Amino acid sequence: MSWPDVTVVDACVRRDGRGGSPASVTDDDPAATDADRRAVAAAVGTSHAAFLGPERTPDGGWPVRFFTATAELPGCGHGTVAAQAVRLTRTARDELNDRQHTGGRTFDTLAIRRPAGIEVWFDQGLVALRHPAPDERAAIVAALGLTADDPHPTDAPRIAAPGAPRMLVPVHDRSALLRVRPHLGRLTAACRRYGLLGCFVYVPPVGDRPGAARMFAPAIGVDEDVANANSTGCLAAHLLDTTGARTVAIEVEQGDTLGRPASVLASARRGPAGITTRVGGLAVIRDGH
């Protein structure tokens, strides 16, 4: 089937408006099949597509569903940035405080018009953290092709789950990050074996310098993601947990190896129920199809 009025949004662009992760946004069609929805991203040339529902859920959230070419996702950070940017442009407002329903969860969103684009923030919710089992860690690190000199000397891999779990793998510096050449077949098999969405390889932020990261998720059809906002939120939760701070705020640069420089912001805080995070990025509406 054909999808009219598909908008392409560059989500999580750098501060100067460059780059970003392209996402397709369109109104959902109740007559469409999931196979139809999976076809949209590939047809438009984006890794992810967001489908906006027609009416609110009983708890007040606007439904948004996310698909890659191979699967529906329980959530998508940069897709949420794109979806809420489009929703703001459909109003005459300068700011839109609202709620989104995705993956069985309803959460707060905020979109603000800025000179360089639309700034979007959303509540990621609770992030569960655990240490990987030795065989789990060994399988992922081997599939990534890391050498003994690559891992960060003061940190260790962690599993973080804001819903779907993924492994956070630290490396020593940006040159080590650029050298990562995963064996995608082995990484796909390992992620499926251990129920992981993918692997977020990162260099921690230091002082005022942003961190850097690359996200590999071939098990869901995304060999390398331009920007993975949810994983940046997971990293903020991990850093808060390991430092013992009450709050953490970070910026992580992504996408350079793909020629699409991107930047994601995230903050984490500890509350009675655990660690909660908030994730944000700047979006630029590119065009429609």
C-alpha atoms as a PDB file:
ATOM      1  CA  MET A   1       0.000   0.000   0.000  1.00  0.00           C
ATOM      2  CA  SER A   2       1.047   3.636  -0.428  1.00  0.00           C
ATOM      3  CA  TRP A   3       1.485   6.006   2.509  1.00  0.00           C
ATOM      4  CA  PRO A   4       0.664   9.649   1.749  1.00  0.00           C
ATOM      5  CA  ASP A   5       2.312  12.472   3.643  1.00  0.00           C
ATOM      6  CA  VAL A   6       5.365  10.718   5.037  1.00  0.00           C
ATOM      7  CA  THR A   7       7.609  13.301   6.687  1.00  0.00           C
ATOM      8  CA  VAL A   8      11.349  12.742   7.076  1.00  0.00           C
ATOM      9  CA  VAL A   9      12.847  14.224  10.221  1.00  0.00           C
ATOM     10  CA  ASP A  10      16.527  14.500  11.078  1.00  0.00           C
ATOM     11  CA  ALA A  11      16.413  13.697  14.791  1.00  0.00           C
ATOM     12  CA  CYS A  12      19.140  14.483  17.322  1.00  0.00           C
ATOM     13  CA  VAL A  13      21.125  16.820  15.078  1.00  0.00           C
ATOM     14  CA  ARG A  14      24.265  18.502  16.374  1.00  0.00           C
ATOM     15  CA  ARG A  15      24.006  21.951  17.960  1.00  0.00           C
ATOM     16  CA  ASP A  16      24.736  23.626  14.634  1.00  0.00           C
ATOM     17  CA  GLY A  17      21.880  21.755  12.938  1.00  0.00           C
ATOM     18  CA  ARG A  18      24.082  19.285  11.052  1.00  0.00           C
ATOM     19  CA  GLY A  19      23.442  15.598  10.602  1.00  0.00           C
ATOM     20  CA  GLY A  20      20.942  13.737  12.752  1.00  0.00           C
ATOM     21  CA  SER A  21      19.275  10.368  12.406  1.00  0.00           C
ATOM     22  CA  PRO A  22      16.626  10.336   9.663  1.00  0.00           C
ATOM     23  CA  ALA A  23      13.260   8.929  10.737  1.00  0.00           C
ATOM     24  CA  SER A  24      10.020   8.644   8.778  1.00  0.00           C
ATOM     25  CA  VAL A  25       6.839   9.914  10.441  1.00  0.00           C
ATOM     26  CA  THR A  26       3.328   9.341   9.136  1.00  0.00           C
ATOM     27  CA  ASP A  27      -0.235   8.899  10.350  1.00  0.00           C
ATOM     28  CA  ASP A  28      -1.116   5.285  10.975  1.00  0.00           C
ATOM     29  CA  ASP A  29      -3.727   3.546   8.846  1.00  0.00           C
ATOM     30  CA  PRO A  30      -5.898   1.026  10.715  1.00  0.00           C
ATOM     31  CA  ALA A  31      -6.233  -0.967   7.485  1.00  0.00           C
ATOM     32  CA  ALA A  32      -2.459  -1.426   7.190  1.00  0.00           C
ATOM     33  CA  THR A  33      -0.707  -4.633   8.152  1.00  0.00           C
ATOM     34  CA  ASP A  34       2.541  -4.766  10.093  1.00  0.00           C
ATOM     35  CA  ALA A  35       4.202  -5.885   6.860  1.00  0.00           C
ATOM     36  CA  ASP A  36       2.998  -2.622   5.293  1.00  0.00           C
ATOM     37  CA  ARG A  37       4.459  -0.665   8.203  1.00  0.00           C
ATOM     38  CA  ARG A  38       7.801  -2.471   8.007  1.00  0.00           C
ATOM     39  CA  ALA A  39       8.057  -1.493   4.347  1.00  0.00           C
ATOM     40  CA  VAL A  40       7.824   2.246   4.960  1.00  0.00           C
ATOM     41  CA  ALA A  41      11.297   2.901   6.370  1.00  0.00           C
ATOM     42  CA  ALA A  42      13.013   1.049   3.526  1.00  0.00           C
ATOM     43  CA  ALA A  43      10.858   2.731   0.878  1.00  0.00           C
ATOM     44  CA  VAL A  44      11.642   6.207   2.201  1.00  0.00           C
ATOM     45  CA  GLY A  45      15.277   5.450   2.991  1.00  0.00           C
ATOM     46  CA  THR A  46      15.301   5.696   6.788  1.00  0.00           C
ATOM     47  CA  SER A  47      16.179   3.052   9.371  1.00  0.00           C
ATOM     48  CA  HIS A  48      13.027   3.641  11.456  1.00  0.00           C
ATOM     49  CA  ALA A  49       9.451   4.748  10.859  1.00  0.00           C
ATOM     50  CA  ALA A  50       6.986   6.209  13.370  1.00  0.00           C
ATOM     51  CA  PHE A  51       3.222   5.792  13.013  1.00  0.00           C
ATOM     52  CA  LEU A  52       0.992   8.300  14.799  1.00  0.00           C
ATOM     53  CA  GLY A  53      -2.314   6.977  16.092  1.00  0.00           C
ATOM     54  CA  PRO A  54      -5.583   8.834  15.493  1.00  0.00           C
ATOM     55  CA  GLU A  55      -6.827   9.278  19.066  1.00  0.00           C
ATOM     56  CA  ARG A  56      -5.678   9.204  22.668  1.00  0.00           C
ATOM     57  CA  THR A  57      -5.558   6.106  24.824  1.00  0.00           C
ATOM     58  CA  PRO A  58      -7.713   6.033  27.995  1.00  0.00           C
ATOM     59  CA  ASP A  59      -4.754   7.279  30.079  1.00  0.00           C
ATOM     60  CA  GLY A  60      -4.299  10.326  27.862  1.00  0.00           C
ATOM     61  CA  GLY A  61      -1.397   9.284  25.652  1.00  0.00           C
ATOM     62  CA  TRP A  62      -1.152   9.653  21.888  1.00  0.00           C
ATOM     63  CA  PRO A  63      -0.267   6.233  20.407  1.00  0.00           C
ATOM     64  CA  VAL A  64       2.965   6.021  18.422  1.00  0.00           C
ATOM     65  CA  ARG A  65       4.303   2.757  16.973  1.00  0.00           C
ATOM     66  CA  PHE A  66       7.827   2.242  15.626  1.00  0.00           C
ATOM     67  CA  PHE A  67       9.020  -0.154  12.934  1.00  0.00           C
ATOM     68  CA  THR A  68      12.272  -1.030  11.222  1.00  0.00           C
ATOM     69  CA  ALA A  69      12.335  -3.081   8.030  1.00  0.00           C
ATOM     70  CA  THR A  70      12.326  -6.281  10.095  1.00  0.00           C
ATOM     71  CA  ALA A  71      10.365  -5.694  13.298  1.00  0.00           C
ATOM     72  CA  GLU A  72       8.184  -3.510  15.492  1.00  0.00           C
ATOM     73  CA  LEU A  73      10.124  -1.904  18.337  1.00  0.00           C
ATOM     74  CA  PRO A  74       8.832  -1.513  21.896  1.00  0.00           C
ATOM     75  CA  GLY A  75      10.288   2.000  21.860  1.00  0.00           C
ATOM     76  CA  CYS A  76      12.506   4.298  19.816  1.00  0.00           C
ATOM     77  CA  GLY A  77      14.245   7.326  21.289  1.00  0.00           C
ATOM     78  CA  HIS A  78      15.193   9.276  18.186  1.00  0.00           C
ATOM     79  CA  GLY A  79      11.866   8.200  16.650  1.00  0.00           C
ATOM     80  CA  THR A  80      10.080   9.791  19.607  1.00  0.00           C
ATOM     81  CA  VAL A  81      12.057  12.995  19.031  1.00  0.00           C
ATOM     82  CA  ALA A  82      10.956  12.927  15.381  1.00  0.00           C
ATOM     83  CA  ALA A  83       7.321  12.074  16.154  1.00  0.00           C
ATOM     84  CA  GLN A  84       6.896  14.829  18.728  1.00  0.00           C
ATOM     85  CA  ALA A  85       8.604  17.364  16.443  1.00  0.00           C
ATOM     86  CA  VAL A  86       6.039  16.588  13.744  1.00  0.00           C
ATOM     87  CA  ARG A  87       3.182  16.820  16.237  1.00  0.00           C
ATOM     88  CA  LEU A  88       4.350  20.299  17.295  1.00  0.00           C
ATOM     89  CA  THR A  89       4.555  21.497  13.676  1.00  0.00           C
ATOM     90  CA  ARG A  90       0.882  20.581  13.242  1.00  0.00           C
ATOM     91  CA  THR A  91      -0.018  23.218  15.831  1.00  0.00           C
ATOM     92  CA  ALA A  92       0.484  26.970  16.021  1.00  0.00           C
ATOM     93  CA  ARG A  93       2.154  26.614  19.416  1.00  0.00           C
ATOM     94  CA  ASP A  94       5.737  27.370  20.362  1.00  0.00           C
ATOM     95  CA  GLU A  95       5.698  24.589  22.968  1.00  0.00           C
ATOM     96  CA  LEU A  96       3.788  21.334  23.327  1.00  0.00           C
ATOM     97  CA  ASN A  97       3.590  19.475  26.634  1.00  0.00           C
ATOM     98  CA  ASP A  98       1.944  16.140  25.986  1.00  0.00           C
ATOM     99  CA  ARG A  99       1.962  12.396  26.600  1.00  0.00           C
ATOM    100  CA  GLN A 100       2.888   9.527  24.273  1.00  0.00           C
ATOM    101  CA  HIS A 101       1.799   5.892  24.445  1.00  0.00           C
ATOM    102  CA  THR A 102       4.324   3.382  23.068  1.00  0.00           C
ATOM    103  CA  GLY A 103       5.065  -0.225  23.957  1.00  0.00           C
ATOM    104  CA  GLY A 104       2.385  -0.394  26.632  1.00  0.00           C
ATOM    105  CA  ARG A 105       3.728   2.672  28.478  1.00  0.00           C
ATOM    106  CA  THR A 106       2.491   6.269  28.568  1.00  0.00           C
ATOM    107  CA  PHE A 107       5.054   8.971  29.321  1.00  0.00           C
ATOM    108  CA  ASP A 108       5.486  12.751  29.287  1.00  0.00           C
ATOM    109  CA  THR A 109       6.926  14.580  26.271  1.00  0.00           C
ATOM    110  CA  LEU A 110       7.931  18.175  25.646  1.00  0.00           C
ATOM    111  CA  ALA A 111       8.568  19.837  22.265  1.00  0.00           C
ATOM    112  CA  ILE A 112       9.822  23.426  21.946  1.00  0.00           C
ATOM    113  CA  ARG A 113      10.447  25.526  18.849  1.00  0.00           C
ATOM    114  CA  ARG A 114      14.043  26.762  18.727  1.00  0.00           C
ATOM    115  CA  PRO A 115      15.866  28.851  16.083  1.00  0.00           C
ATOM    116  CA  ALA A 116      17.827  25.788  14.921  1.00  0.00           C
ATOM    117  CA  GLY A 117      14.930  23.294  15.007  1.00  0.00           C
ATOM    118  CA  ILE A 118      12.570  21.660  17.475  1.00  0.00           C
ATOM    119  CA  GLU A 119      13.944  20.555  20.835  1.00  0.00           C
ATOM    120  CA  VAL A 120      12.226  17.443  22.183  1.00  0.00           C
ATOM    121  CA  TRP A 121      12.492  15.783  25.590  1.00  0.00           C
ATOM    122  CA  PHE A 122      10.773  12.671  26.868  1.00  0.00           C
ATOM    123  CA  ASP A 123      10.671  10.699  30.088  1.00  0.00           C
ATOM    124  CA  GLN A 124      12.330   7.348  29.538  1.00  0.00           C
ATOM    125  CA  GLY A 125      11.153   5.962  32.864  1.00  0.00           C
ATOM    126  CA  LEU A 126      12.918   3.420  35.043  1.00  0.00           C
ATOM    127  CA  VAL A 127      16.143   1.882  33.776  1.00  0.00           C
ATOM    128  CA  ALA A 128      17.105  -1.505  35.225  1.00  0.00           C
ATOM    129  CA  LEU A 129      20.832  -2.278  35.401  1.00  0.00           C
ATOM    130  CA  ARG A 130      22.703  -5.542  35.870  1.00  0.00           C
ATOM    131  CA  HIS A 131      26.129  -7.020  35.210  1.00  0.00           C
ATOM    132  CA  PRO A 132      26.276  -9.452  32.284  1.00  0.00           C
ATOM    133  CA  ALA A 133      27.036 -13.096  32.896  1.00  0.00           C
ATOM    134  CA  PRO A 134      30.608 -14.070  31.888  1.00  0.00           C
ATOM    135  CA  ASP A 135      29.486 -16.017  28.800  1.00  0.00           C
ATOM    136  CA  GLU A 136      27.136 -13.194  27.769  1.00  0.00           C
ATOM    137  CA  ARG A 137      29.907 -10.631  28.056  1.00  0.00           C
ATOM    138  CA  ALA A 138      32.445 -12.822  26.241  1.00  0.00           C
ATOM    139  CA  ALA A 139      30.088 -13.504  23.319  1.00  0.00           C
ATOM    140  CA  ILE A 140      29.285  -9.832  22.735  1.00  0.00           C
ATOM    141  CA  VAL A 141      32.874  -8.590  23.130  1.00  0.00           C
ATOM    142  CA  ALA A 142      34.115 -11.267  20.723  1.00  0.00           C
ATOM    143  CA  ALA A 143      31.429 -10.405  18.178  1.00  0.00           C
ATOM    144  CA  LEU A 144      32.464  -6.752  18.376  1.00  0.00           C
ATOM    145  CA  GLY A 145      36.035  -7.703  17.509  1.00  0.00           C
ATOM    146  CA  LEU A 146      37.517  -5.795  20.458  1.00  0.00           C
ATOM    147  CA  THR A 147      41.150  -6.361  21.398  1.00  0.00           C
ATOM    148  CA  ALA A 148      42.672  -6.341  24.875  1.00  0.00           C
ATOM    149  CA  ASP A 149      43.721  -2.705  24.376  1.00  0.00           C
ATOM    150  CA  ASP A 150      40.232  -1.461  23.506  1.00  0.00           C
ATOM    151  CA  PRO A 151      38.099  -1.721  26.689  1.00  0.00           C
ATOM    152  CA  HIS A 152      38.032   1.221  29.062  1.00  0.00           C
ATOM    153  CA  PRO A 153      40.369   0.540  31.993  1.00  0.00           C
ATOM    154  CA  THR A 154      38.028   1.788  34.736  1.00  0.00           C
ATOM    155  CA  ASP A 155      34.651   0.489  33.631  1.00  0.00           C
ATOM    156  CA  ALA A 156      32.997  -2.781  32.606  1.00  0.00           C
ATOM    157  CA  PRO A 157      30.110  -3.789  30.328  1.00  0.00           C
ATOM    158  CA  ARG A 158      26.638  -3.413  31.790  1.00  0.00           C
ATOM    159  CA  ILE A 159      23.164  -4.519  30.717  1.00  0.00           C
ATOM    160  CA  ALA A 160      20.662  -1.656  30.807  1.00  0.00           C
ATOM    161  CA  ALA A 161      16.945  -2.051  30.222  1.00  0.00           C
ATOM    162  CA  PRO A 162      14.453   0.800  29.931  1.00  0.00           C
ATOM    163  CA  GLY A 163      12.265  -1.973  28.516  1.00  0.00           C
ATOM    164  CA  ALA A 164      14.338  -3.775  25.912  1.00  0.00           C
ATOM    165  CA  PRO A 165      17.804  -4.652  27.315  1.00  0.00           C
ATOM    166  CA  ARG A 166      21.027  -3.702  25.555  1.00  0.00           C
ATOM    167  CA  MET A 167      24.693  -4.062  26.507  1.00  0.00           C
ATOM    168  CA  LEU A 168      26.752  -0.948  27.236  1.00  0.00           C
ATOM    169  CA  VAL A 169      30.400  -1.608  26.348  1.00  0.00           C
ATOM    170  CA  PRO A 170      33.015   1.044  27.232  1.00  0.00           C
ATOM    171  CA  VAL A 171      36.180   1.527  25.186  1.00  0.00           C
ATOM    172  CA  HIS A 172      39.320   3.448  26.043  1.00  0.00           C
ATOM    173  CA  ASP A 173      39.053   6.410  23.668  1.00  0.00           C
ATOM    174  CA  ARG A 174      37.559   7.694  20.422  1.00  0.00           C
ATOM    175  CA  SER A 175      40.200   6.045  18.279  1.00  0.00           C
ATOM    176  CA  ALA A 176      39.260   2.666  19.784  1.00  0.00           C
ATOM    177  CA  LEU A 177      35.610   3.470  19.102  1.00  0.00           C
ATOM    178  CA  LEU A 178      36.369   4.178  15.452  1.00  0.00           C
ATOM    179  CA  ARG A 179      38.236   0.870  15.149  1.00  0.00           C
ATOM    180  CA  VAL A 180      35.232  -1.256  16.147  1.00  0.00           C
ATOM    181  CA  ARG A 181      34.328  -3.555  13.264  1.00  0.00           C
ATOM    182  CA  PRO A 182      31.720  -6.020  14.530  1.00  0.00           C
ATOM    183  CA  HIS A 183      31.067  -9.384  12.945  1.00  0.00           C
ATOM    184  CA  LEU A 184      27.398  -8.700  12.286  1.00  0.00           C
ATOM    185  CA  GLY A 185      26.377 -12.332  11.930  1.00  0.00           C
ATOM    186  CA  ARG A 186      27.969 -13.287  15.244  1.00  0.00           C
ATOM    187  CA  LEU A 187      26.581 -10.189  16.942  1.00  0.00           C
ATOM    188  CA  THR A 188      23.078 -10.949  15.658  1.00  0.00           C
ATOM    189  CA  ALA A 189      23.290 -14.505  16.974  1.00  0.00           C
ATOM    190  CA  ALA A 190      24.652 -13.412  20.357  1.00  0.00           C
ATOM    191  CA  CYS A 191      22.013 -10.696  20.832  1.00  0.00           C
ATOM    192  CA  ARG A 192      19.233 -13.116  19.978  1.00  0.00           C
ATOM    193  CA  ARG A 193      20.693 -15.787  22.261  1.00  0.00           C
ATOM    194  CA  TYR A 194      20.750 -13.419  25.243  1.00  0.00           C
ATOM    195  CA  GLY A 195      17.635 -11.407  24.404  1.00  0.00           C
ATOM    196  CA  LEU A 196      19.468  -8.133  23.744  1.00  0.00           C
ATOM    197  CA  LEU A 197      18.308  -5.321  21.488  1.00  0.00           C
ATOM    198  CA  GLY A 198      21.896  -4.534  20.543  1.00  0.00           C
ATOM    199  CA  CYS A 199      25.206  -3.182  21.779  1.00  0.00           C
ATOM    200  CA  PHE A 200      26.051   0.436  22.650  1.00  0.00           C
ATOM    201  CA  VAL A 201      29.835   0.937  22.488  1.00  0.00           C
ATOM    202  CA  TYR A 202      30.839   4.202  24.129  1.00  0.00           C
ATOM    203  CA  VAL A 203      33.552   6.531  25.401  1.00  0.00           C
ATOM    204  CA  PRO A 204      32.459   8.146  28.678  1.00  0.00           C
ATOM    205  CA  PRO A 205      32.026  11.932  28.864  1.00  0.00           C
ATOM    206  CA  VAL A 206      34.904  13.681  30.623  1.00  0.00           C
ATOM    207  CA  GLY A 207      34.340  17.095  32.177  1.00  0.00           C
ATOM    208  CA  ASP A 208      32.673  19.355  29.636  1.00  0.00           C
ATOM    209  CA  ARG A 209      33.630  17.146  26.700  1.00  0.00           C
ATOM    210  CA  PRO A 210      30.748  15.054  25.356  1.00  0.00           C
ATOM    211  CA  GLY A 211      30.971  11.305  25.270  1.00  0.00           C
ATOM    212  CA  ALA A 212      30.922   9.378  22.005  1.00  0.00           C
ATOM    213  CA  ALA A 213      29.156   6.172  21.026  1.00  0.00           C
ATOM    214  CA  ARG A 214      28.186   3.737  18.304  1.00  0.00           C
ATOM    215  CA  MET A 215      25.085   1.521  18.443  1.00  0.00           C
ATOM    216  CA  PHE A 216      25.003  -1.862  16.690  1.00  0.00           C
ATOM    217  CA  ALA A 217      21.640  -3.641  16.484  1.00  0.00           C
ATOM    218  CA  PRO A 218      21.710  -6.060  13.534  1.00  0.00           C
ATOM    219  CA  ALA A 219      19.283  -8.399  15.320  1.00  0.00           C
ATOM    220  CA  ILE A 220      16.506  -5.857  14.648  1.00  0.00           C
ATOM    221  CA  GLY A 221      17.716  -4.926  11.170  1.00  0.00           C
ATOM    222  CA  VAL A 222      19.901  -1.929  12.075  1.00  0.00           C
ATOM    223  CA  ASP A 223      23.561  -2.768  11.531  1.00  0.00           C
ATOM    224  CA  GLU A 224      24.642   0.587  12.960  1.00  0.00           C
ATOM    225  CA  ASP A 225      22.324   3.298  14.232  1.00  0.00           C
ATOM    226  CA  VAL A 226      23.044   6.963  13.558  1.00  0.00           C
ATOM    227  CA  ALA A 227      21.712   7.970  16.983  1.00  0.00           C
ATOM    228  CA  ASN A 228      20.316   5.777  19.724  1.00  0.00           C
ATOM    229  CA  ALA A 229      18.667   8.090  22.224  1.00  0.00           C
ATOM    230  CA  ASN A 230      17.356   5.373  24.540  1.00  0.00           C
ATOM    231  CA  SER A 231      20.854   3.926  24.946  1.00  0.00           C
ATOM    232  CA  THR A 232      22.165   7.381  25.838  1.00  0.00           C
ATOM    233  CA  GLY A 233      19.578   7.485  28.609  1.00  0.00           C
ATOM    234  CA  CYS A 234      20.774   4.046  29.697  1.00  0.00           C
ATOM    235  CA  LEU A 235      24.345   5.350  29.831  1.00  0.00           C
ATOM    236  CA  ALA A 236      23.254   8.269  32.016  1.00  0.00           C
ATOM    237  CA  ALA A 237      21.610   5.773  34.388  1.00  0.00           C
ATOM    238  CA  HIS A 238      24.753   3.621  34.461  1.00  0.00           C
ATOM    239  CA  LEU A 239      27.021   6.606  35.164  1.00  0.00           C
ATOM    240  CA  LEU A 240      24.756   7.772  37.967  1.00  0.00           C
ATOM    241  CA  ASP A 241      24.723   4.282  39.450  1.00  0.00           C
ATOM    242  CA  THR A 242      28.497   3.905  39.391  1.00  0.00           C
ATOM    243  CA  THR A 243      29.398   7.409  40.595  1.00  0.00           C
ATOM    244  CA  GLY A 244      26.877   7.567  43.412  1.00  0.00           C
ATOM    245  CA  ALA A 245      25.765  11.050  42.338  1.00  0.00           C
ATOM    246  CA  ARG A 246      22.169  12.186  42.902  1.00  0.00           C
ATOM    247  CA  THR A 247      21.809  13.432  39.326  1.00  0.00           C
ATOM    248  CA  VAL A 248      23.800  13.099  36.100  1.00  0.00           C
ATOM    249  CA  ALA A 249      23.481  15.068  32.842  1.00  0.00           C
ATOM    250  CA  ILE A 250      25.395  14.038  29.723  1.00  0.00           C
ATOM    251  CA  GLU A 251      25.765  14.696  26.009  1.00  0.00           C
ATOM    252  CA  VAL A 252      26.855  11.887  23.680  1.00  0.00           C
ATOM    253  CA  GLU A 253      27.981  12.388  20.086  1.00  0.00           C
ATOM    254  CA  GLN A 254      27.121   9.652  17.602  1.00  0.00           C
ATOM    255  CA  GLY A 255      26.893   9.025  13.862  1.00  0.00           C
ATOM    256  CA  ASP A 256      30.323  10.276  12.747  1.00  0.00           C
ATOM    257  CA  THR A 257      31.326   6.938  11.208  1.00  0.00           C
ATOM    258  CA  LEU A 258      28.168   7.048   9.078  1.00  0.00           C
ATOM    259  CA  GLY A 259      28.626  10.625   7.902  1.00  0.00           C
ATOM    260  CA  ARG A 260      25.596  11.748   9.943  1.00  0.00           C
ATOM    261  CA  PRO A 261      26.885  13.568  13.048  1.00  0.00           C
ATOM    262  CA  ALA A 262      24.316  13.386  15.826  1.00  0.00           C
ATOM    263  CA  SER A 263      24.041  14.452  19.445  1.00  0.00           C
ATOM    264  CA  VAL A 264      21.810  13.127  22.241  1.00  0.00           C
ATOM    265  CA  LEU A 265      21.234  14.657  25.659  1.00  0.00           C
ATOM    266  CA  ALA A 266      20.181  12.688  28.732  1.00  0.00           C
ATOM    267  CA  SER A 267      19.821  13.104  32.464  1.00  0.00           C
ATOM    268  CA  ALA A 268      19.318  10.585  35.248  1.00  0.00           C
ATOM    269  CA  ARG A 269      18.195  10.809  38.829  1.00  0.00           C
ATOM    270  CA  ARG A 270      17.631   8.364  41.639  1.00  0.00           C
ATOM    271  CA  GLY A 271      14.175   8.177  43.185  1.00  0.00           C
ATOM    272  CA  PRO A 272      12.247   5.884  45.522  1.00  0.00           C
ATOM    273  CA  ALA A 273      11.500   3.395  42.743  1.00  0.00           C
ATOM    274  CA  GLY A 274      15.000   3.411  41.222  1.00  0.00           C
ATOM    275  CA  ILE A 275      16.853   5.345  38.515  1.00  0.00           C
ATOM    276  CA  THR A 276      14.731   7.319  36.063  1.00  0.00           C
ATOM    277  CA  THR A 277      15.986   9.133  32.983  1.00  0.00           C
ATOM    278  CA  ARG A 278      15.003  11.925  30.639  1.00  0.00           C
ATOM    279  CA  VAL A 279      16.274  12.001  27.059  1.00  0.00           C
ATOM    280  CA  GLY A 280      16.336  14.807  24.506  1.00  0.00           C
ATOM    281  CA  GLY A 281      17.510  15.973  21.119  1.00  0.00           C
ATOM    282  CA  LEU A 282      17.081  18.654  18.479  1.00  0.00           C
ATOM    283  CA  ALA A 283      15.036  17.776  15.376  1.00  0.00           C
ATOM    284  CA  VAL A 284      14.925  19.353  11.933  1.00  0.00           C
ATOM    285  CA  ILE A 285      11.976  18.666   9.620  1.00  0.00           C
ATOM    286  CA  ARG A 286      13.528  17.781   6.275  1.00  0.00           C
ATOM    287  CA  ASP A 287      10.803  17.015   3.742  1.00  0.00           C
ATOM    288  CA  GLY A 288       7.673  15.042   2.923  1.00  0.00           C
ATOM    289  CA  HIS A 289       7.049  12.177   0.514  1.00  0.00           C
END
